[in-house]
């Protein structure tokens, strides 16, 4: 049979198993300067009796024993030969000529996604998008937009960006981008046309209510930081600080830090009556940013513990005393969570709960208690691989269980959303990581948050709690 290049490679790998692997399986020589000459002979220890099957043969290993035993390298490489056979048959016999690169990438994706829901392969485009998302920056015009009646509506220009400096206003409608009508495009397609390499230009046509003629702007794209944190002062006296953290990108801690500075400026240097950190529907992000954010409110102690297969995947991250946590030390705190609060959000919520720094209000969180490493693969993108589980400072694993709030407060869900507002979270994902004896969530947790703050039951309860109009033994938390 003629060997294809791929089969030949698999066979070569199978036959070229390093000798060291085989030698390592042999028992080591006894200790001593010259063990062959000077080590005294010892009596062989009596062997323990072995339970034999009725036939007189040793019993077949259990499934657990087979799984724990290392596989022979030749057996592993023979499986690669099987992959080569299937790949060759697809190339030769599939009804249409396949894209061979996509076949290989699909096989890699299948291998990684078979491990758990969070491992996977990132092709170059997806890897680039992920880096942009986690960096918290993009190259564009600096406009927050939405889609309304088929055209792009400006929600707000971001401060000190090309759109802001050009005079684009909230509620403006973008109807053309580089001469292409926006009508018929999706929001993502329109946004993609406005983004591009830094230093390049784009023309947009804008309609403004009350103005008969459209405006035309030619703007030069710049690097624009995404706004990770929004803040406001709430309550009857306007002294309850609300910090809404949307993601744990590289802008998360800086955003928290800047927001707190502006809140103190707004209050003429006076501390707020309390801080509400809103982590609802925050799906997480970078672990180091979750540590920095928790550290902003803690002066010492563990923030999160990670444990993997080896020492390099097992770490403890600690809070350090600094001027920020010193400034906020006497400010009471509430953290809002719900079924969409995941991963890095749960790290922060768990740390502040375990240290009795904040009272958690809302509904149970998502329950993603694992950490993924992003491993670059050069021009071929990257792989995302689950490398460890994480634990809260009190050594709690929240994997597939989530964090239970100190005070459960449910939203009043409109009739059209009832029954569709709850998710089970990690426990509902096929192939999620499990642990023997670990409890898992079995019922859903709501992800519904009203747009109107006045209708937001959880937020209004938290504000009333800070102002003393509502009371609960869990607020403020009492350190033991």
Protein backbone atom coordinates (compact mmCIF):
# COMPACT_ATOMS: atom_id res chain seq x y z
CA UNK A 1 0.00 0.00 0.00
CA UNK A 2 1.34 3.42 -0.93
CA UNK A 3 1.93 5.69 2.05
CA UNK A 4 0.62 9.25 1.79
CA UNK A 5 2.81 11.94 3.39
CA UNK A 6 0.48 12.22 6.40
CA UNK A 7 0.43 8.43 6.98
CA UNK A 8 4.19 8.29 6.60
CA UNK A 9 4.57 11.03 9.21
CA UNK A 10 2.25 9.24 11.65
CA UNK A 11 4.14 5.95 11.14
CA UNK A 12 7.49 7.67 11.60
CA UNK A 13 6.29 9.22 14.85
CA UNK A 14 5.03 5.83 16.03
CA UNK A 15 8.37 4.12 15.28
CA UNK A 16 10.57 6.89 16.67
CA UNK A 17 9.46 6.79 20.30
CA UNK A 18 12.34 8.23 22.37
CA UNK A 19 14.31 5.54 24.15
CA UNK A 20 14.17 7.56 27.33
CA UNK A 21 10.46 6.89 27.63
CA UNK A 22 11.03 3.15 27.64
CA UNK A 23 14.05 3.28 29.93
CA UNK A 24 12.19 5.37 32.43
CA UNK A 25 9.79 2.48 32.96
CA UNK A 26 12.55 0.23 34.28
CA UNK A 27 13.27 0.18 38.06
CA UNK A 28 16.19 2.40 39.12
CA UNK A 29 19.48 0.90 40.28
CA UNK A 30 20.05 0.78 44.07
CA UNK A 31 21.81 3.74 45.66
CA UNK A 32 25.55 3.58 46.30
CA UNK A 33 28.92 4.58 44.86
CA UNK A 34 29.27 1.30 42.95
CA UNK A 35 26.01 -0.55 43.36
CA UNK A 36 27.08 -3.51 41.21
CA UNK A 37 30.03 -4.33 43.52
CA UNK A 38 29.52 -2.86 46.99
CA UNK A 39 25.79 -3.01 47.70
CA UNK A 40 25.07 -6.06 49.87
CA UNK A 41 22.52 -8.50 48.59
CA UNK A 42 19.12 -8.22 50.29
CA UNK A 43 16.41 -10.74 50.67
CA UNK A 44 13.54 -10.09 48.31
CA UNK A 45 10.49 -8.90 50.26
CA UNK A 46 7.59 -11.28 50.43
CA UNK A 47 4.96 -10.44 47.84
CA UNK A 48 1.42 -9.68 48.88
CA UNK A 49 -1.05 -12.34 47.75
CA UNK A 50 -2.94 -11.34 44.61
CA UNK A 51 -6.68 -11.92 44.36
CA UNK A 52 -7.25 -14.10 41.34
CA UNK A 53 -10.40 -14.58 39.34
CA UNK A 54 -12.10 -18.03 39.48
CA UNK A 55 -10.21 -19.01 36.33
CA UNK A 56 -6.94 -18.46 38.16
CA UNK A 57 -6.11 -15.35 36.11
CA UNK A 58 -5.74 -11.81 37.44
CA UNK A 59 -9.01 -9.83 37.28
CA UNK A 60 -9.56 -7.36 34.43
CA UNK A 61 -8.64 -3.75 35.47
CA UNK A 62 -11.58 -1.51 36.26
CA UNK A 63 -12.46 1.47 34.02
CA UNK A 64 -10.99 3.83 36.63
CA UNK A 65 -7.73 1.86 36.73
CA UNK A 66 -7.51 1.86 32.93
CA UNK A 67 -8.08 5.63 32.81
CA UNK A 68 -5.40 6.26 35.45
CA UNK A 69 -2.78 4.05 33.76
CA UNK A 70 -0.57 5.86 31.22
CA UNK A 71 -1.12 4.72 27.63
CA UNK A 72 1.67 3.22 25.61
CA UNK A 73 3.11 5.90 23.26
CA UNK A 74 2.85 3.50 20.31
CA UNK A 75 -0.88 3.15 20.98
CA UNK A 76 -1.27 6.94 21.04
CA UNK A 77 0.53 7.36 17.73
CA UNK A 78 -1.53 4.60 16.14
CA UNK A 79 -4.59 6.77 16.82
CA UNK A 80 -2.90 9.53 14.83
CA UNK A 81 -2.53 7.07 11.98
CA UNK A 82 -6.30 6.51 12.15
CA UNK A 83 -6.81 10.26 11.89
CA UNK A 84 -4.55 10.27 8.82
CA UNK A 85 -6.60 7.51 7.17
CA UNK A 86 -9.87 9.39 7.67
CA UNK A 87 -8.33 12.67 6.49
CA UNK A 88 -7.08 10.99 3.29
CA UNK A 89 -10.47 9.40 2.57
CA UNK A 90 -12.23 12.75 2.99
CA UNK A 91 -9.74 14.46 0.67
CA UNK A 92 -10.08 11.73 -1.95
CA UNK A 93 -13.77 10.81 -1.81
CA UNK A 94 -15.89 13.64 -0.38
CA UNK A 95 -18.52 14.82 -2.88
CA UNK A 96 -16.85 18.26 -3.26
CA UNK A 97 -13.15 19.07 -2.82
CA UNK A 98 -12.82 20.12 0.85
CA UNK A 99 -10.76 22.99 2.26
CA UNK A 100 -7.95 21.00 3.86
CA UNK A 101 -6.90 23.78 6.23
CA UNK A 102 -10.47 24.10 7.51
CA UNK A 103 -10.64 20.32 7.98
CA UNK A 104 -7.55 20.39 10.19
CA UNK A 105 -8.86 23.38 12.17
CA UNK A 106 -12.23 21.69 12.65
CA UNK A 107 -10.48 18.59 13.99
CA UNK A 108 -8.45 20.72 16.41
CA UNK A 109 -11.61 22.54 17.48
CA UNK A 110 -13.37 19.24 18.08
CA UNK A 111 -10.49 17.94 20.18
CA UNK A 112 -10.50 21.02 22.41
CA UNK A 113 -14.26 21.46 22.75
CA UNK A 114 -14.59 17.79 23.75
CA UNK A 115 -12.72 18.69 26.96
CA UNK A 116 -15.17 21.27 28.37
CA UNK A 117 -17.37 24.15 27.15
CA UNK A 118 -14.63 26.77 27.62
CA UNK A 119 -11.66 25.18 25.84
CA UNK A 120 -11.42 25.77 22.12
CA UNK A 121 -9.43 26.81 19.09
CA UNK A 122 -9.31 30.47 18.05
CA UNK A 123 -8.61 31.01 14.34
CA UNK A 124 -6.56 34.15 13.61
CA UNK A 125 -9.61 36.42 13.14
CA UNK A 126 -11.29 35.19 16.34
CA UNK A 127 -8.02 35.53 18.25
CA UNK A 128 -7.65 39.12 17.02
CA UNK A 129 -11.23 39.90 18.10
CA UNK A 130 -10.59 38.36 21.51
CA UNK A 131 -7.44 40.42 22.06
CA UNK A 132 -9.32 43.58 21.11
CA UNK A 133 -12.13 42.68 23.51
CA UNK A 134 -9.84 41.98 26.46
CA UNK A 135 -7.62 45.00 25.78
CA UNK A 136 -10.66 47.23 26.15
CA UNK A 137 -9.53 49.26 23.14
CA UNK A 138 -10.41 49.42 19.45
CA UNK A 139 -9.47 51.53 16.47
CA UNK A 140 -12.46 53.58 15.36
CA UNK A 141 -14.42 56.80 15.80
CA UNK A 142 -15.51 56.61 19.44
CA UNK A 143 -19.30 56.33 19.13
CA UNK A 144 -21.61 54.16 21.20
CA UNK A 145 -24.44 53.17 18.88
CA UNK A 146 -27.62 51.14 18.61
CA UNK A 147 -29.92 50.18 15.73
CA UNK A 148 -33.28 51.88 15.40
CA UNK A 149 -35.69 51.52 12.46
CA UNK A 150 -32.94 50.18 10.22
CA UNK A 151 -30.43 52.98 10.78
CA UNK A 152 -27.63 53.47 13.30
CA UNK A 153 -28.55 55.76 16.18
CA UNK A 154 -25.86 57.44 18.28
CA UNK A 155 -26.27 56.68 21.99
CA UNK A 156 -23.30 58.78 23.01
CA UNK A 157 -19.92 59.89 21.64
CA UNK A 158 -17.05 58.83 23.91
CA UNK A 159 -15.16 61.76 25.45
CA UNK A 160 -12.04 62.99 23.63
CA UNK A 161 -12.49 60.85 20.50
CA UNK A 162 -12.82 61.80 16.82
CA UNK A 163 -16.64 61.65 16.98
CA UNK A 164 -16.76 63.76 20.15
CA UNK A 165 -14.41 66.42 18.75
CA UNK A 166 -16.30 66.57 15.44
CA UNK A 167 -19.54 67.44 17.24
CA UNK A 168 -21.56 64.25 16.74
CA UNK A 169 -24.39 64.25 19.30
CA UNK A 170 -26.59 61.69 21.08
CA UNK A 171 -29.67 60.77 19.02
CA UNK A 172 -27.97 61.59 15.71
CA UNK A 173 -28.72 59.03 12.97
CA UNK A 174 -25.89 57.66 10.82
CA UNK A 175 -27.39 56.93 7.39
CA UNK A 176 -24.28 56.42 5.22
CA UNK A 177 -20.74 55.17 5.82
CA UNK A 178 -18.24 55.89 3.03
CA UNK A 179 -21.15 56.38 0.64
CA UNK A 180 -22.78 53.04 1.51
CA UNK A 181 -26.34 53.29 2.88
CA UNK A 182 -26.71 51.85 6.38
CA UNK A 183 -30.26 50.69 5.63
CA UNK A 184 -30.12 46.91 5.21
CA UNK A 185 -26.92 46.40 7.21
CA UNK A 186 -26.85 44.71 10.60
CA UNK A 187 -25.50 46.68 13.55
CA UNK A 188 -22.32 44.57 13.55
CA UNK A 189 -21.78 45.23 9.84
CA UNK A 190 -22.22 48.96 10.33
CA UNK A 191 -19.85 49.02 13.31
CA UNK A 192 -17.28 47.02 11.32
CA UNK A 193 -17.37 49.65 8.55
CA UNK A 194 -16.71 52.44 11.06
CA UNK A 195 -13.77 50.60 12.60
CA UNK A 196 -10.46 50.17 10.83
CA UNK A 197 -6.70 50.76 11.10
CA UNK A 198 -5.61 53.73 13.18
CA UNK A 199 -4.86 56.76 11.01
CA UNK A 200 -7.24 55.85 8.18
CA UNK A 201 -10.25 58.03 7.39
CA UNK A 202 -13.96 57.35 6.98
CA UNK A 203 -16.85 59.53 5.79
CA UNK A 204 -20.20 59.33 7.58
CA UNK A 205 -23.48 61.05 6.77
CA UNK A 206 -25.61 62.05 9.74
CA UNK A 207 -29.24 63.15 10.09
CA UNK A 208 -30.15 65.29 13.10
CA UNK A 209 -33.66 65.91 14.38
CA UNK A 210 -34.83 69.45 13.62
CA UNK A 211 -32.21 69.97 10.87
CA UNK A 212 -33.40 69.54 7.27
CA UNK A 213 -30.02 68.90 5.61
CA UNK A 214 -27.73 65.99 6.52
CA UNK A 215 -24.25 66.57 7.94
CA UNK A 216 -21.18 64.97 6.40
CA UNK A 217 -18.13 64.23 8.54
CA UNK A 218 -14.73 62.93 7.47
CA UNK A 219 -13.09 61.46 10.55
CA UNK A 220 -9.70 59.89 11.17
CA UNK A 221 -9.77 56.67 13.16
CA UNK A 222 -7.93 56.56 16.50
CA UNK A 223 -7.36 54.05 19.27
CA UNK A 224 -10.39 54.38 21.51
CA UNK A 225 -10.67 52.93 25.03
CA UNK A 226 -13.95 51.11 25.66
CA UNK A 227 -15.83 52.36 28.69
CA UNK A 228 -15.75 49.46 31.16
CA UNK A 229 -17.24 51.44 34.07
CA UNK A 230 -20.21 53.78 34.28
CA UNK A 231 -20.99 55.61 37.48
CA UNK A 232 -23.73 57.77 38.93
CA UNK A 233 -24.92 59.10 42.28
CA UNK A 234 -28.27 57.68 43.36
CA UNK A 235 -30.68 57.85 46.29
CA UNK A 236 -32.84 60.48 47.89
CA UNK A 237 -29.81 62.60 48.85
CA UNK A 238 -27.74 61.72 45.77
CA UNK A 239 -24.95 60.25 47.91
CA UNK A 240 -25.09 56.55 47.03
CA UNK A 241 -22.36 55.73 44.50
CA UNK A 242 -23.34 53.27 41.76
CA UNK A 243 -20.50 51.65 39.82
CA UNK A 244 -21.62 49.55 36.85
CA UNK A 245 -18.77 47.31 35.64
CA UNK A 246 -19.64 45.74 32.27
CA UNK A 247 -16.55 43.56 31.70
CA UNK A 248 -13.14 42.73 33.12
CA UNK A 249 -11.07 44.08 30.23
CA UNK A 250 -7.75 45.86 30.74
CA UNK A 251 -9.78 49.02 31.40
CA UNK A 252 -11.67 47.57 34.40
CA UNK A 253 -9.50 48.63 37.35
CA UNK A 254 -8.55 51.96 35.77
CA UNK A 255 -12.24 52.60 35.20
CA UNK A 256 -13.08 51.85 38.84
CA UNK A 257 -10.23 54.05 40.04
CA UNK A 258 -11.25 56.98 37.83
CA UNK A 259 -14.93 56.64 38.74
CA UNK A 260 -14.17 56.78 42.47
CA UNK A 261 -12.05 59.91 41.98
CA UNK A 262 -14.89 61.60 40.08
CA UNK A 263 -17.43 60.59 42.72
CA UNK A 264 -15.35 62.23 45.45
CA UNK A 265 -14.98 65.34 43.28
CA UNK A 266 -18.75 65.45 42.74
CA UNK A 267 -19.29 65.18 46.51
CA UNK A 268 -16.69 67.90 47.23
CA UNK A 269 -14.29 65.45 48.80
CA UNK A 270 -16.92 63.82 51.01
CA UNK A 271 -17.19 60.02 51.07
CA UNK A 272 -20.36 58.52 49.56
CA UNK A 273 -22.97 57.04 51.90
CA UNK A 274 -22.24 53.67 50.33
CA UNK A 275 -21.01 52.00 47.16
CA UNK A 276 -23.09 49.68 44.98
CA UNK A 277 -20.92 47.61 42.62
CA UNK A 278 -23.16 46.27 39.85
CA UNK A 279 -21.77 43.03 38.37
CA UNK A 280 -25.03 41.77 36.91
CA UNK A 281 -24.68 40.18 33.47
CA UNK A 282 -20.93 40.76 33.60
CA UNK A 283 -19.57 37.63 31.95
CA UNK A 284 -16.04 38.05 33.27
CA UNK A 285 -12.72 38.59 31.51
CA UNK A 286 -9.15 38.81 32.76
CA UNK A 287 -8.27 37.19 36.09
CA UNK A 288 -5.66 39.83 36.94
CA UNK A 289 -8.27 42.57 36.51
CA UNK A 290 -10.63 40.78 38.90
CA UNK A 291 -7.80 40.73 41.46
CA UNK A 292 -7.10 44.46 40.96
CA UNK A 293 -10.80 45.35 41.30
CA UNK A 294 -11.24 43.30 44.48
CA UNK A 295 -8.00 44.78 45.82
CA UNK A 296 -9.51 48.27 45.42
CA UNK A 297 -11.87 47.43 48.29
CA UNK A 298 -9.65 45.08 50.36
CA UNK A 299 -6.51 45.98 52.28
CA UNK A 300 -5.17 42.45 52.74
CA UNK A 301 -5.89 38.73 52.46
CA UNK A 302 -6.45 36.31 49.62
CA UNK A 303 -8.57 37.33 46.66
CA UNK A 304 -8.61 34.02 44.78
CA UNK A 305 -6.83 30.66 44.81
CA UNK A 306 -6.22 28.65 41.62
CA UNK A 307 -5.37 24.95 41.48
CA UNK A 308 -4.33 22.96 38.43
CA UNK A 309 -2.50 19.72 37.67
CA UNK A 310 0.91 21.17 38.41
CA UNK A 311 2.48 23.83 40.66
CA UNK A 312 2.73 26.27 37.74
CA UNK A 313 -1.09 26.30 37.46
CA UNK A 314 -1.65 26.73 41.21
CA UNK A 315 -1.39 30.22 42.68
CA UNK A 316 -2.70 32.49 45.41
CA UNK A 317 -3.50 36.12 44.62
CA UNK A 318 -3.51 38.55 47.54
CA UNK A 319 -4.79 42.06 48.15
CA UNK A 320 -2.27 44.69 49.19
CA UNK A 321 -2.85 47.84 51.29
CA UNK A 322 -2.93 51.04 49.24
CA UNK A 323 -4.37 54.55 49.29
CA UNK A 324 -7.56 53.53 47.47
CA UNK A 325 -8.74 50.84 49.88
CA UNK A 326 -7.69 53.11 52.77
CA UNK A 327 -9.95 55.88 51.41
CA UNK A 328 -12.88 53.46 51.07
CA UNK A 329 -12.33 51.48 54.28
CA UNK A 330 -15.32 52.97 56.12
CA UNK A 331 -17.68 53.14 53.14
CA UNK A 332 -20.29 50.32 53.31
CA UNK A 333 -20.71 48.27 50.18
CA UNK A 334 -23.30 46.22 48.27
CA UNK A 335 -22.54 44.01 45.26
CA UNK A 336 -25.34 43.18 42.79
CA UNK A 337 -25.17 39.76 41.08
CA UNK A 338 -27.49 37.63 38.96
CA UNK A 339 -27.46 34.58 36.71
CA UNK A 340 -25.28 36.39 34.17
CA UNK A 341 -22.50 37.24 36.65
CA UNK A 342 -19.72 34.82 35.72
CA UNK A 343 -16.05 34.01 36.14
CA UNK A 344 -14.12 37.19 37.07
CA UNK A 345 -17.37 38.68 38.45
CA UNK A 346 -17.67 35.68 40.75
CA UNK A 347 -14.04 36.03 41.85
CA UNK A 348 -14.72 39.63 42.99
CA UNK A 349 -18.10 38.83 44.54
CA UNK A 350 -16.73 35.76 46.35
CA UNK A 351 -13.72 37.62 47.73
CA UNK A 352 -15.77 40.56 49.03
CA UNK A 353 -18.33 38.18 50.53
CA UNK A 354 -15.76 35.93 52.25
CA UNK A 355 -13.92 38.91 53.73
CA UNK A 356 -17.21 40.41 54.97
CA UNK A 357 -16.45 43.54 52.99
CA UNK A 358 -19.70 43.66 51.04
CA UNK A 359 -23.25 42.35 51.14
CA UNK A 360 -24.30 40.47 48.01
CA UNK A 361 -27.80 41.22 46.72
CA UNK A 362 -29.67 39.66 43.79
CA UNK A 363 -29.87 36.07 42.57
CA UNK A 364 -27.38 33.18 42.28
CA UNK A 365 -24.45 33.73 39.92
CA UNK A 366 -23.52 31.67 36.83
CA UNK A 367 -21.06 29.22 38.39
CA UNK A 368 -18.00 29.32 36.12
CA UNK A 369 -15.21 28.26 38.45
CA UNK A 370 -12.43 27.51 35.98
CA UNK A 371 -9.54 29.46 34.49
CA UNK A 372 -8.48 29.33 30.82
CA UNK A 373 -5.01 30.04 29.46
CA UNK A 374 -4.77 31.63 26.02
CA UNK A 375 -1.85 29.96 24.23
CA UNK A 376 -0.72 31.78 21.04
CA UNK A 377 -0.04 29.60 17.97
CA UNK A 378 1.77 32.16 15.86
CA UNK A 379 0.04 32.91 12.53
CA UNK A 380 -2.46 30.10 13.19
CA UNK A 381 -4.31 31.91 15.99
CA UNK A 382 -4.43 30.53 19.53
CA UNK A 383 -5.89 27.85 21.73
CA UNK A 384 -7.96 28.45 24.83
CA UNK A 385 -7.31 25.71 27.37
CA UNK A 386 -8.78 25.20 30.83
CA UNK A 387 -5.75 24.88 33.12
CA UNK A 388 -7.10 25.28 36.66
CA UNK A 389 -10.10 25.63 38.94
CA UNK A 390 -10.43 28.64 41.18
CA UNK A 391 -11.56 28.90 44.78
CA UNK A 392 -12.72 31.83 46.90
CA UNK A 393 -10.63 32.92 49.92
CA UNK A 394 -12.75 30.62 52.14
CA UNK A 395 -11.74 27.71 49.87
CA UNK A 396 -15.15 27.48 48.19
CA UNK A 397 -15.41 26.11 44.68
CA UNK A 398 -18.31 27.70 42.82
CA UNK A 399 -17.94 25.50 39.72
CA UNK A 400 -21.42 24.64 38.39
CA UNK A 401 -22.88 25.94 41.66
CA UNK A 402 -22.46 29.71 41.63
CA UNK A 403 -22.40 32.19 44.49
CA UNK A 404 -25.52 32.61 46.58
CA UNK A 405 -26.28 36.23 47.51
CA UNK A 406 -26.59 37.22 51.17
CA UNK A 407 -29.98 38.75 50.38
CA UNK A 408 -31.99 37.25 47.53
CA UNK A 409 -34.00 39.86 45.65
CA UNK A 410 -35.89 38.93 42.48
CA UNK A 411 -36.83 41.28 39.70
CA UNK A 412 -40.42 41.92 38.67
CA UNK A 413 -40.23 40.32 35.23
CA UNK A 414 -42.61 41.56 32.49
CA UNK A 415 -45.08 38.95 31.32
CA UNK A 416 -43.49 38.66 27.85
CA UNK A 417 -40.15 37.64 29.41
CA UNK A 418 -41.45 35.34 32.13
CA UNK A 419 -40.08 31.82 31.78
CA UNK A 420 -37.35 33.01 29.42
CA UNK A 421 -35.36 35.16 31.85
CA UNK A 422 -33.67 32.34 33.78
CA UNK A 423 -30.59 30.25 32.97
CA UNK A 424 -29.13 27.35 34.93
CA UNK A 425 -25.63 28.58 34.13
CA UNK A 426 -22.51 26.44 34.06
CA UNK A 427 -24.38 23.38 35.35
CA UNK A 428 -26.58 23.52 32.24
CA UNK A 429 -23.63 23.42 29.81
CA UNK A 430 -22.93 20.07 28.19
CA UNK A 431 -19.54 18.65 29.19
CA UNK A 432 -18.91 21.08 32.04
CA UNK A 433 -16.17 20.21 34.53
CA UNK A 434 -17.40 18.26 37.53
CA UNK A 435 -15.88 17.22 40.85
CA UNK A 436 -16.79 14.24 43.00
CA UNK A 437 -19.14 15.32 45.79
CA UNK A 438 -19.51 18.85 44.37
CA UNK A 439 -23.04 20.22 44.60
CA UNK A 440 -24.45 21.68 41.37
CA UNK A 441 -27.22 24.13 40.54
CA UNK A 442 -30.45 22.54 39.38
CA UNK A 443 -32.73 25.56 38.96
CA UNK A 444 -32.40 28.73 36.93
CA UNK A 445 -31.32 32.21 37.98
CA UNK A 446 -32.73 35.34 36.31
CA UNK A 447 -30.65 37.53 34.00
CA UNK A 448 -33.34 40.18 33.54
CA UNK A 449 -32.35 43.77 34.37
CA UNK A 450 -34.78 46.60 33.48
CA UNK A 451 -33.42 49.50 31.46
CA UNK A 452 -35.28 51.98 33.68
CA UNK A 453 -33.51 52.28 37.05
CA UNK A 454 -36.82 53.14 38.73
CA UNK A 455 -38.14 49.68 37.76
CA UNK A 456 -34.97 47.86 38.83
CA UNK A 457 -36.10 46.09 42.01
CA UNK A 458 -32.63 44.87 42.94
CA UNK A 459 -30.98 48.27 42.48
CA UNK A 460 -33.74 50.12 44.34
CA UNK A 461 -33.50 47.65 47.23
CA UNK A 462 -29.72 48.13 47.41
CA UNK A 463 -30.11 51.93 47.46
CA UNK A 464 -32.74 51.69 50.23
CA UNK A 465 -30.44 49.35 52.16
CA UNK A 466 -27.57 51.85 52.06
CA UNK A 467 -29.86 54.73 53.04
CA UNK A 468 -31.41 52.75 55.91
CA UNK A 469 -34.92 52.61 54.46
CA UNK A 470 -34.54 48.82 54.28
CA UNK A 471 -32.80 46.70 56.92
CA UNK A 472 -31.39 43.19 56.93
CA UNK A 473 -29.03 41.37 59.35
CA UNK A 474 -26.65 40.76 56.42
CA UNK A 475 -26.04 44.50 55.94
CA UNK A 476 -23.55 45.70 56.75
CA UNK A 477 -21.63 42.42 57.03
CA UNK A 478 -19.92 41.80 60.35
CA UNK A 479 -16.33 40.55 60.29
CA UNK A 480 -15.82 37.55 62.52
